[in-house]
Amino acid sequence: MHSDLIYHFFSDDDFLRISNKIKEMEKLSSGEIKVSIKEKKPLLHKRKSIKELAEKEFVHLNMHATRDKTGILLYLLLSERQFYILADEGINAKVPNNTWEEIRDDIQHKFRNGDFTKGLLSGIERVGKILSEHFPLKPDDTNELSNKVEL
């Protein structure tokens, strides 16, 4: 059960739209996109940075186990108003790191204007297009990770 904080920012319809956008973008690429939204830092991880929390979630969601190391996580920490994009080594070998910072900044700009769903949808679309350029869909591609938003 989640508190009202998540529903202050997103509705169930928003989660469906986000999942559908992930599904749509993954049809263009062999990459795996995940969105994880957390209300606050777990007590045991109060001192961890947003990057460390995203790395922990990446492993928790088994994103490091994708066939071609093409998982990418969009991690949102609501209580801290922080956001992080973490790409696996297969992606980072081909895509410059500042690419994710630019997308993060664009998403954060939309968040500042109160457009949380629009920010995530835009970010997923941009990530998907980059993945499709570098990791086109393979004939034997399978959806390795659920498209559901992790809460």
N, C-alpha and C. Protein backbone atom coordinates (compact mmCIF):
# COMPACT_ATOMS: atom_id res chain seq x y z
N MET A 1 0.85 -1.20 0.00
CA MET A 1 0.00 0.00 0.00
C MET A 1 0.88 1.25 0.00
N HIS A 2 0.56 2.17 -0.85
CA HIS A 2 1.35 3.39 -0.95
C HIS A 2 0.58 4.54 -0.34
N SER A 3 1.31 5.47 0.23
CA SER A 3 0.64 6.63 0.82
C SER A 3 0.13 7.53 -0.30
N ASP A 4 -0.44 8.61 0.09
CA ASP A 4 -1.03 9.52 -0.88
C ASP A 4 0.01 10.31 -1.66
N LEU A 5 1.27 10.26 -1.21
CA LEU A 5 2.29 11.07 -1.88
C LEU A 5 2.40 10.72 -3.36
N ILE A 6 2.47 9.45 -3.68
CA ILE A 6 2.57 9.06 -5.10
C ILE A 6 1.36 9.56 -5.87
N TYR A 7 0.17 9.44 -5.26
CA TYR A 7 -1.05 9.85 -5.96
C TYR A 7 -1.25 11.37 -5.97
N HIS A 8 -0.39 12.08 -5.24
CA HIS A 8 -0.37 13.53 -5.34
C HIS A 8 0.26 13.93 -6.69
N PHE A 9 1.16 13.07 -7.19
CA PHE A 9 1.88 13.35 -8.43
C PHE A 9 1.33 12.58 -9.64
N PHE A 10 0.83 11.37 -9.40
CA PHE A 10 0.41 10.48 -10.49
C PHE A 10 -0.91 9.81 -10.17
N SER A 11 -1.67 9.50 -11.23
CA SER A 11 -2.90 8.71 -11.08
C SER A 11 -2.65 7.32 -11.67
N ASP A 12 -3.58 6.41 -11.43
CA ASP A 12 -3.46 5.09 -12.04
C ASP A 12 -3.43 5.19 -13.56
N ASP A 13 -4.20 6.12 -14.12
CA ASP A 13 -4.18 6.34 -15.58
C ASP A 13 -2.79 6.77 -16.05
N ASP A 14 -2.14 7.60 -15.24
CA ASP A 14 -0.78 8.04 -15.59
C ASP A 14 0.16 6.84 -15.65
N PHE A 15 0.05 5.93 -14.66
CA PHE A 15 0.91 4.75 -14.65
C PHE A 15 0.67 3.90 -15.90
N LEU A 16 -0.58 3.79 -16.31
CA LEU A 16 -0.92 3.04 -17.51
C LEU A 16 -0.31 3.71 -18.75
N ARG A 17 -0.41 5.03 -18.82
CA ARG A 17 0.16 5.76 -19.96
C ARG A 17 1.69 5.59 -20.00
N ILE A 18 2.32 5.61 -18.83
CA ILE A 18 3.77 5.45 -18.76
C ILE A 18 4.15 4.04 -19.22
N SER A 19 3.44 3.02 -18.72
CA SER A 19 3.71 1.63 -19.12
C SER A 19 3.52 1.45 -20.62
N ASN A 20 2.47 2.04 -21.16
CA ASN A 20 2.21 1.94 -22.60
C ASN A 20 3.30 2.63 -23.42
N LYS A 21 3.83 3.74 -22.91
CA LYS A 21 4.91 4.46 -23.62
C LYS A 21 6.18 3.61 -23.62
N ILE A 22 6.45 2.93 -22.49
CA ILE A 22 7.61 2.04 -22.42
C ILE A 22 7.45 0.93 -23.47
N LYS A 23 6.27 0.32 -23.50
CA LYS A 23 6.00 -0.76 -24.44
C LYS A 23 6.19 -0.28 -25.89
N GLU A 24 5.67 0.90 -26.18
CA GLU A 24 5.78 1.49 -27.53
C GLU A 24 7.24 1.71 -27.91
N MET A 25 8.03 2.27 -27.00
CA MET A 25 9.44 2.58 -27.31
C MET A 25 10.29 1.32 -27.39
N GLU A 26 9.93 0.31 -26.60
CA GLU A 26 10.71 -0.94 -26.65
C GLU A 26 10.47 -1.72 -27.93
N LYS A 27 9.40 -1.41 -28.65
CA LYS A 27 9.15 -2.07 -29.94
C LYS A 27 10.15 -1.60 -31.01
N LEU A 28 10.84 -0.48 -30.72
CA LEU A 28 11.79 0.10 -31.67
C LEU A 28 13.22 -0.31 -31.39
N SER A 29 13.45 -1.03 -30.29
CA SER A 29 14.82 -1.27 -29.86
C SER A 29 14.93 -2.57 -29.08
N SER A 30 16.16 -3.03 -28.91
CA SER A 30 16.39 -4.20 -28.07
C SER A 30 16.70 -3.79 -26.63
N GLY A 31 16.59 -2.50 -26.34
CA GLY A 31 16.81 -2.00 -24.99
C GLY A 31 15.62 -2.28 -24.08
N GLU A 32 15.86 -2.21 -22.78
CA GLU A 32 14.83 -2.41 -21.77
C GLU A 32 14.74 -1.17 -20.90
N ILE A 33 13.57 -0.55 -20.88
CA ILE A 33 13.36 0.69 -20.13
C ILE A 33 12.51 0.37 -18.90
N LYS A 34 12.92 0.87 -17.74
CA LYS A 34 12.14 0.71 -16.52
C LYS A 34 11.98 2.08 -15.86
N VAL A 35 10.83 2.29 -15.24
CA VAL A 35 10.59 3.48 -14.43
C VAL A 35 10.32 2.99 -13.01
N SER A 36 11.04 3.55 -12.06
CA SER A 36 10.83 3.22 -10.66
C SER A 36 10.58 4.51 -9.89
N ILE A 37 9.46 4.56 -9.18
CA ILE A 37 9.08 5.74 -8.42
C ILE A 37 9.03 5.36 -6.94
N LYS A 38 9.83 6.04 -6.15
CA LYS A 38 9.85 5.81 -4.71
C LYS A 38 9.38 7.08 -4.00
N GLU A 39 8.63 6.89 -2.91
CA GLU A 39 8.16 8.05 -2.16
C GLU A 39 9.29 8.70 -1.38
N LYS A 40 10.09 7.87 -0.70
CA LYS A 40 11.19 8.43 0.10
C LYS A 40 12.30 7.40 0.24
N LYS A 41 13.43 7.88 0.72
CA LYS A 41 14.57 6.98 0.93
C LYS A 41 14.21 5.97 2.02
N PRO A 42 14.60 4.70 1.82
CA PRO A 42 14.41 3.73 2.91
C PRO A 42 15.28 4.14 4.11
N LEU A 43 14.80 3.87 5.31
CA LEU A 43 15.55 4.25 6.52
C LEU A 43 16.99 3.77 6.50
N LEU A 44 17.21 2.55 6.02
CA LEU A 44 18.57 2.00 6.00
C LEU A 44 19.48 2.71 5.02
N HIS A 45 18.90 3.50 4.13
CA HIS A 45 19.70 4.12 3.06
C HIS A 45 19.62 5.64 3.08
N LYS A 46 19.37 6.20 4.26
CA LYS A 46 19.22 7.66 4.39
C LYS A 46 20.43 8.43 3.86
N ARG A 47 21.62 7.87 4.01
CA ARG A 47 22.85 8.59 3.62
C ARG A 47 23.25 8.35 2.17
N LYS A 48 22.55 7.49 1.49
CA LYS A 48 22.91 7.17 0.10
C LYS A 48 22.48 8.30 -0.85
N SER A 49 23.28 8.50 -1.89
CA SER A 49 22.95 9.50 -2.90
C SER A 49 21.87 8.94 -3.83
N ILE A 50 21.29 9.79 -4.64
CA ILE A 50 20.28 9.37 -5.61
C ILE A 50 20.90 8.36 -6.58
N LYS A 51 22.16 8.56 -6.95
CA LYS A 51 22.84 7.63 -7.86
C LYS A 51 22.99 6.25 -7.20
N GLU A 52 23.39 6.23 -5.93
CA GLU A 52 23.55 4.95 -5.22
C GLU A 52 22.20 4.23 -5.09
N LEU A 53 21.15 4.99 -4.83
CA LEU A 53 19.82 4.39 -4.71
C LEU A 53 19.37 3.82 -6.06
N ALA A 54 19.65 4.56 -7.14
CA ALA A 54 19.29 4.08 -8.48
C ALA A 54 20.08 2.81 -8.81
N GLU A 55 21.35 2.76 -8.44
CA GLU A 55 22.17 1.57 -8.69
C GLU A 55 21.63 0.36 -7.94
N LYS A 56 21.20 0.58 -6.70
CA LYS A 56 20.64 -0.50 -5.89
C LYS A 56 19.33 -1.01 -6.51
N GLU A 57 18.50 -0.09 -6.96
CA GLU A 57 17.22 -0.45 -7.59
C GLU A 57 17.46 -1.19 -8.90
N PHE A 58 18.46 -0.77 -9.65
CA PHE A 58 18.83 -1.38 -10.93
C PHE A 58 19.08 -2.88 -10.74
N VAL A 59 19.87 -3.18 -9.70
CA VAL A 59 20.19 -4.58 -9.41
C VAL A 59 18.95 -5.29 -8.85
N HIS A 60 18.23 -4.62 -7.96
CA HIS A 60 17.02 -5.21 -7.37
C HIS A 60 16.02 -5.63 -8.46
N LEU A 61 15.91 -4.84 -9.52
CA LEU A 61 14.97 -5.12 -10.61
C LEU A 61 15.57 -6.08 -11.65
N ASN A 62 16.79 -6.54 -11.38
CA ASN A 62 17.47 -7.49 -12.27
C ASN A 62 17.80 -6.89 -13.63
N MET A 63 17.96 -5.58 -13.68
CA MET A 63 18.21 -4.91 -14.95
C MET A 63 19.61 -5.19 -15.47
N HIS A 64 20.52 -5.54 -14.58
CA HIS A 64 21.90 -5.84 -14.96
C HIS A 64 21.99 -7.19 -15.69
N ALA A 65 20.90 -7.94 -15.69
CA ALA A 65 20.91 -9.29 -16.26
C ALA A 65 20.33 -9.36 -17.67
N THR A 66 20.11 -8.21 -18.31
CA THR A 66 19.59 -8.26 -19.68
C THR A 66 20.68 -8.80 -20.61
N ARG A 67 20.25 -9.45 -21.66
CA ARG A 67 21.15 -10.16 -22.56
C ARG A 67 22.31 -9.29 -23.07
N ASP A 68 21.99 -8.10 -23.55
CA ASP A 68 23.03 -7.25 -24.16
C ASP A 68 23.43 -6.07 -23.29
N LYS A 69 23.08 -6.15 -21.99
CA LYS A 69 23.39 -5.05 -21.05
C LYS A 69 22.80 -3.74 -21.55
N THR A 70 21.51 -3.82 -21.96
CA THR A 70 20.85 -2.65 -22.53
C THR A 70 19.65 -2.21 -21.70
N GLY A 71 19.76 -2.32 -20.39
CA GLY A 71 18.71 -1.83 -19.51
C GLY A 71 18.97 -0.37 -19.16
N ILE A 72 17.88 0.39 -19.01
CA ILE A 72 18.02 1.79 -18.57
C ILE A 72 16.88 2.09 -17.59
N LEU A 73 17.27 2.68 -16.47
CA LEU A 73 16.34 2.95 -15.38
C LEU A 73 16.12 4.44 -15.24
N LEU A 74 14.85 4.84 -15.19
CA LEU A 74 14.48 6.21 -14.84
C LEU A 74 13.97 6.13 -13.40
N TYR A 75 14.74 6.66 -12.47
CA TYR A 75 14.49 6.51 -11.03
C TYR A 75 14.07 7.85 -10.43
N LEU A 76 12.93 7.85 -9.75
CA LEU A 76 12.36 9.07 -9.22
C LEU A 76 12.16 8.92 -7.72
N LEU A 77 12.68 9.87 -6.95
CA LEU A 77 12.52 9.89 -5.50
C LEU A 77 11.69 11.12 -5.15
N LEU A 78 10.40 10.90 -4.88
CA LEU A 78 9.45 12.00 -4.74
C LEU A 78 9.73 12.93 -3.57
N SER A 79 9.97 12.39 -2.39
CA SER A 79 10.12 13.23 -1.20
C SER A 79 11.32 14.18 -1.33
N GLU A 80 12.34 13.75 -2.06
CA GLU A 80 13.55 14.56 -2.23
C GLU A 80 13.49 15.38 -3.52
N ARG A 81 12.45 15.14 -4.33
CA ARG A 81 12.33 15.79 -5.63
C ARG A 81 13.59 15.54 -6.46
N GLN A 82 14.08 14.27 -6.44
CA GLN A 82 15.28 13.92 -7.18
C GLN A 82 14.96 12.87 -8.24
N PHE A 83 15.78 12.89 -9.28
CA PHE A 83 15.55 12.03 -10.42
C PHE A 83 16.90 11.61 -10.98
N TYR A 84 17.00 10.33 -11.41
CA TYR A 84 18.28 9.85 -11.93
C TYR A 84 18.02 8.87 -13.08
N ILE A 85 18.85 8.96 -14.12
CA ILE A 85 18.79 8.01 -15.23
C ILE A 85 20.06 7.17 -15.18
N LEU A 86 19.87 5.84 -15.09
CA LEU A 86 21.00 4.93 -14.99
C LEU A 86 20.93 3.93 -16.14
N ALA A 87 21.97 3.95 -16.98
CA ALA A 87 22.03 3.03 -18.12
C ALA A 87 23.08 1.96 -17.87
N ASP A 88 22.84 0.76 -18.38
CA ASP A 88 23.77 -0.35 -18.22
C ASP A 88 24.99 -0.14 -19.12
N GLU A 89 26.03 -0.95 -18.88
CA GLU A 89 27.32 -0.77 -19.57
C GLU A 89 27.22 -0.93 -21.08
N GLY A 90 26.32 -1.78 -21.58
CA GLY A 90 26.17 -1.94 -23.02
C GLY A 90 25.73 -0.64 -23.68
N ILE A 91 24.87 0.10 -23.00
CA ILE A 91 24.40 1.39 -23.51
C ILE A 91 25.50 2.45 -23.36
N ASN A 92 26.08 2.51 -22.17
CA ASN A 92 27.10 3.55 -21.90
C ASN A 92 28.33 3.40 -22.78
N ALA A 93 28.56 2.20 -23.31
CA ALA A 93 29.69 2.00 -24.22
C ALA A 93 29.46 2.73 -25.55
N LYS A 94 28.20 3.01 -25.87
CA LYS A 94 27.89 3.62 -27.17
C LYS A 94 27.30 5.02 -27.06
N VAL A 95 26.76 5.36 -25.91
CA VAL A 95 26.06 6.65 -25.75
C VAL A 95 26.81 7.50 -24.73
N PRO A 96 27.17 8.73 -25.10
CA PRO A 96 27.88 9.60 -24.14
C PRO A 96 27.03 9.86 -22.88
N ASN A 97 27.68 9.88 -21.72
CA ASN A 97 26.99 10.07 -20.45
C ASN A 97 26.17 11.35 -20.38
N ASN A 98 26.68 12.43 -20.99
CA ASN A 98 25.96 13.70 -20.90
C ASN A 98 24.59 13.64 -21.59
N THR A 99 24.38 12.62 -22.43
CA THR A 99 23.07 12.42 -23.06
C THR A 99 22.01 12.25 -21.99
N TRP A 100 22.31 11.44 -20.98
CA TRP A 100 21.33 11.17 -19.92
C TRP A 100 21.12 12.40 -19.06
N GLU A 101 22.18 13.20 -18.87
CA GLU A 101 22.05 14.42 -18.09
C GLU A 101 21.13 15.42 -18.81
N GLU A 102 21.26 15.50 -20.13
CA GLU A 102 20.39 16.41 -20.91
C GLU A 102 18.93 15.97 -20.79
N ILE A 103 18.69 14.68 -20.91
CA ILE A 103 17.31 14.17 -20.79
C ILE A 103 16.80 14.40 -19.38
N ARG A 104 17.66 14.12 -18.38
CA ARG A 104 17.27 14.36 -16.99
C ARG A 104 16.88 15.82 -16.77
N ASP A 105 17.68 16.75 -17.31
CA ASP A 105 17.39 18.17 -17.14
C ASP A 105 16.06 18.55 -17.78
N ASP A 106 15.79 17.98 -18.95
CA ASP A 106 14.52 18.24 -19.64
C ASP A 106 13.35 17.71 -18.81
N ILE A 107 13.50 16.52 -18.27
CA ILE A 107 12.44 15.93 -17.44
C ILE A 107 12.24 16.79 -16.19
N GLN A 108 13.34 17.18 -15.54
CA GLN A 108 13.23 18.00 -14.33
C GLN A 108 12.57 19.34 -14.61
N HIS A 109 12.82 19.90 -15.79
CA HIS A 109 12.17 21.16 -16.16
C HIS A 109 10.65 20.97 -16.21
N LYS A 110 10.20 19.86 -16.79
CA LYS A 110 8.76 19.57 -16.84
C LYS A 110 8.22 19.32 -15.43
N PHE A 111 9.00 18.63 -14.60
CA PHE A 111 8.58 18.38 -13.21
C PHE A 111 8.38 19.71 -12.47
N ARG A 112 9.31 20.65 -12.66
CA ARG A 112 9.21 21.95 -11.98
C ARG A 112 7.92 22.67 -12.36
N ASN A 113 7.45 22.42 -13.59
CA ASN A 113 6.20 23.04 -14.03
C ASN A 113 4.98 22.21 -13.63
N GLY A 114 5.21 21.15 -12.84
CA GLY A 114 4.10 20.32 -12.37
C GLY A 114 3.66 19.26 -13.36
N ASP A 115 4.39 19.10 -14.46
CA ASP A 115 4.02 18.12 -15.49
C ASP A 115 4.78 16.82 -15.28
N PHE A 116 4.43 16.07 -14.24
CA PHE A 116 5.19 14.88 -13.87
C PHE A 116 5.03 13.76 -14.90
N THR A 117 3.80 13.49 -15.27
CA THR A 117 3.57 12.43 -16.26
C THR A 117 4.17 12.82 -17.60
N LYS A 118 3.95 14.06 -18.01
CA LYS A 118 4.49 14.53 -19.29
C LYS A 118 6.01 14.46 -19.28
N GLY A 119 6.62 14.76 -18.15
CA GLY A 119 8.08 14.69 -18.03
C GLY A 119 8.58 13.27 -18.24
N LEU A 120 7.94 12.31 -17.57
CA LEU A 120 8.35 10.91 -17.72
C LEU A 120 8.09 10.41 -19.13
N LEU A 121 6.93 10.73 -19.70
CA LEU A 121 6.60 10.28 -21.06
C LEU A 121 7.62 10.83 -22.06
N SER A 122 7.97 12.09 -21.91
CA SER A 122 8.95 12.72 -22.79
C SER A 122 10.32 12.05 -22.62
N GLY A 123 10.71 11.79 -21.38
CA GLY A 123 12.00 11.15 -21.11
C GLY A 123 12.06 9.75 -21.69
N ILE A 124 10.98 8.99 -21.51
CA ILE A 124 10.92 7.62 -22.05
C ILE A 124 11.03 7.66 -23.57
N GLU A 125 10.35 8.60 -24.18
CA GLU A 125 10.39 8.71 -25.64
C GLU A 125 11.81 9.04 -26.12
N ARG A 126 12.46 9.99 -25.47
CA ARG A 126 13.83 10.36 -25.87
C ARG A 126 14.80 9.21 -25.66
N VAL A 127 14.68 8.52 -24.51
CA VAL A 127 15.53 7.36 -24.24
C VAL A 127 15.28 6.29 -25.30
N GLY A 128 14.01 6.04 -25.60
CA GLY A 128 13.65 5.03 -26.60
C GLY A 128 14.24 5.31 -27.97
N LYS A 129 14.21 6.58 -28.37
CA LYS A 129 14.76 6.95 -29.68
C LYS A 129 16.27 6.74 -29.72
N ILE A 130 16.94 7.08 -28.63
CA ILE A 130 18.40 6.87 -28.57
C ILE A 130 18.71 5.38 -28.61
N LEU A 131 17.94 4.59 -27.86
CA LEU A 131 18.16 3.14 -27.86
C LEU A 131 17.93 2.56 -29.26
N SER A 132 16.90 3.06 -29.95
CA SER A 132 16.60 2.51 -31.28
C SER A 132 17.71 2.81 -32.28
N GLU A 133 18.41 3.94 -32.10
CA GLU A 133 19.54 4.28 -32.98
C GLU A 133 20.71 3.32 -32.75
N HIS A 134 21.01 3.05 -31.49
CA HIS A 134 22.20 2.26 -31.15
C HIS A 134 21.92 0.77 -30.98
N PHE A 135 20.68 0.44 -30.65
CA PHE A 135 20.32 -0.96 -30.39
C PHE A 135 19.01 -1.29 -31.09
N PRO A 136 19.05 -1.38 -32.43
CA PRO A 136 17.81 -1.67 -33.16
C PRO A 136 17.21 -3.00 -32.70
N LEU A 137 15.92 -3.12 -32.90
CA LEU A 137 15.22 -4.34 -32.52
C LEU A 137 15.83 -5.52 -33.27
N LYS A 138 16.07 -6.59 -32.55
CA LYS A 138 16.62 -7.81 -33.16
C LYS A 138 15.48 -8.77 -33.46
N PRO A 139 15.64 -9.61 -34.49
CA PRO A 139 14.56 -10.55 -34.84
C PRO A 139 14.18 -11.45 -33.67
N ASP A 140 15.16 -11.79 -32.83
CA ASP A 140 14.87 -12.71 -31.72
C ASP A 140 14.69 -11.97 -30.39
N ASP A 141 14.42 -10.66 -30.45
CA ASP A 141 14.30 -9.87 -29.23
C ASP A 141 13.08 -10.32 -28.41
N THR A 142 13.28 -10.36 -27.10
CA THR A 142 12.16 -10.64 -26.19
C THR A 142 12.09 -9.52 -25.18
N ASN A 143 10.91 -9.28 -24.65
CA ASN A 143 10.75 -8.29 -23.60
C ASN A 143 11.25 -8.93 -22.31
N GLU A 144 12.45 -8.53 -21.88
CA GLU A 144 13.08 -9.20 -20.74
C GLU A 144 12.59 -8.69 -19.39
N LEU A 145 12.04 -7.48 -19.35
CA LEU A 145 11.60 -6.89 -18.09
C LEU A 145 10.18 -6.36 -18.25
N SER A 146 9.42 -6.41 -17.17
CA SER A 146 8.05 -5.89 -17.19
C SER A 146 8.07 -4.39 -17.52
N ASN A 147 7.03 -3.94 -18.22
CA ASN A 147 6.92 -2.51 -18.55
C ASN A 147 6.18 -1.74 -17.45
N LYS A 148 5.75 -2.46 -16.43
CA LYS A 148 4.99 -1.86 -15.34
C LYS A 148 5.88 -0.89 -14.55
N VAL A 149 5.29 0.23 -14.13
CA VAL A 149 6.00 1.17 -13.27
C VAL A 149 6.20 0.52 -11.91
N GLU A 150 7.44 0.55 -11.41
CA GLU A 150 7.75 0.00 -10.09
C GLU A 150 7.48 1.07 -9.03
N LEU A 151 6.72 0.67 -8.02
CA LEU A 151 6.43 1.62 -6.93
C LEU A 151 7.00 1.11 -5.62
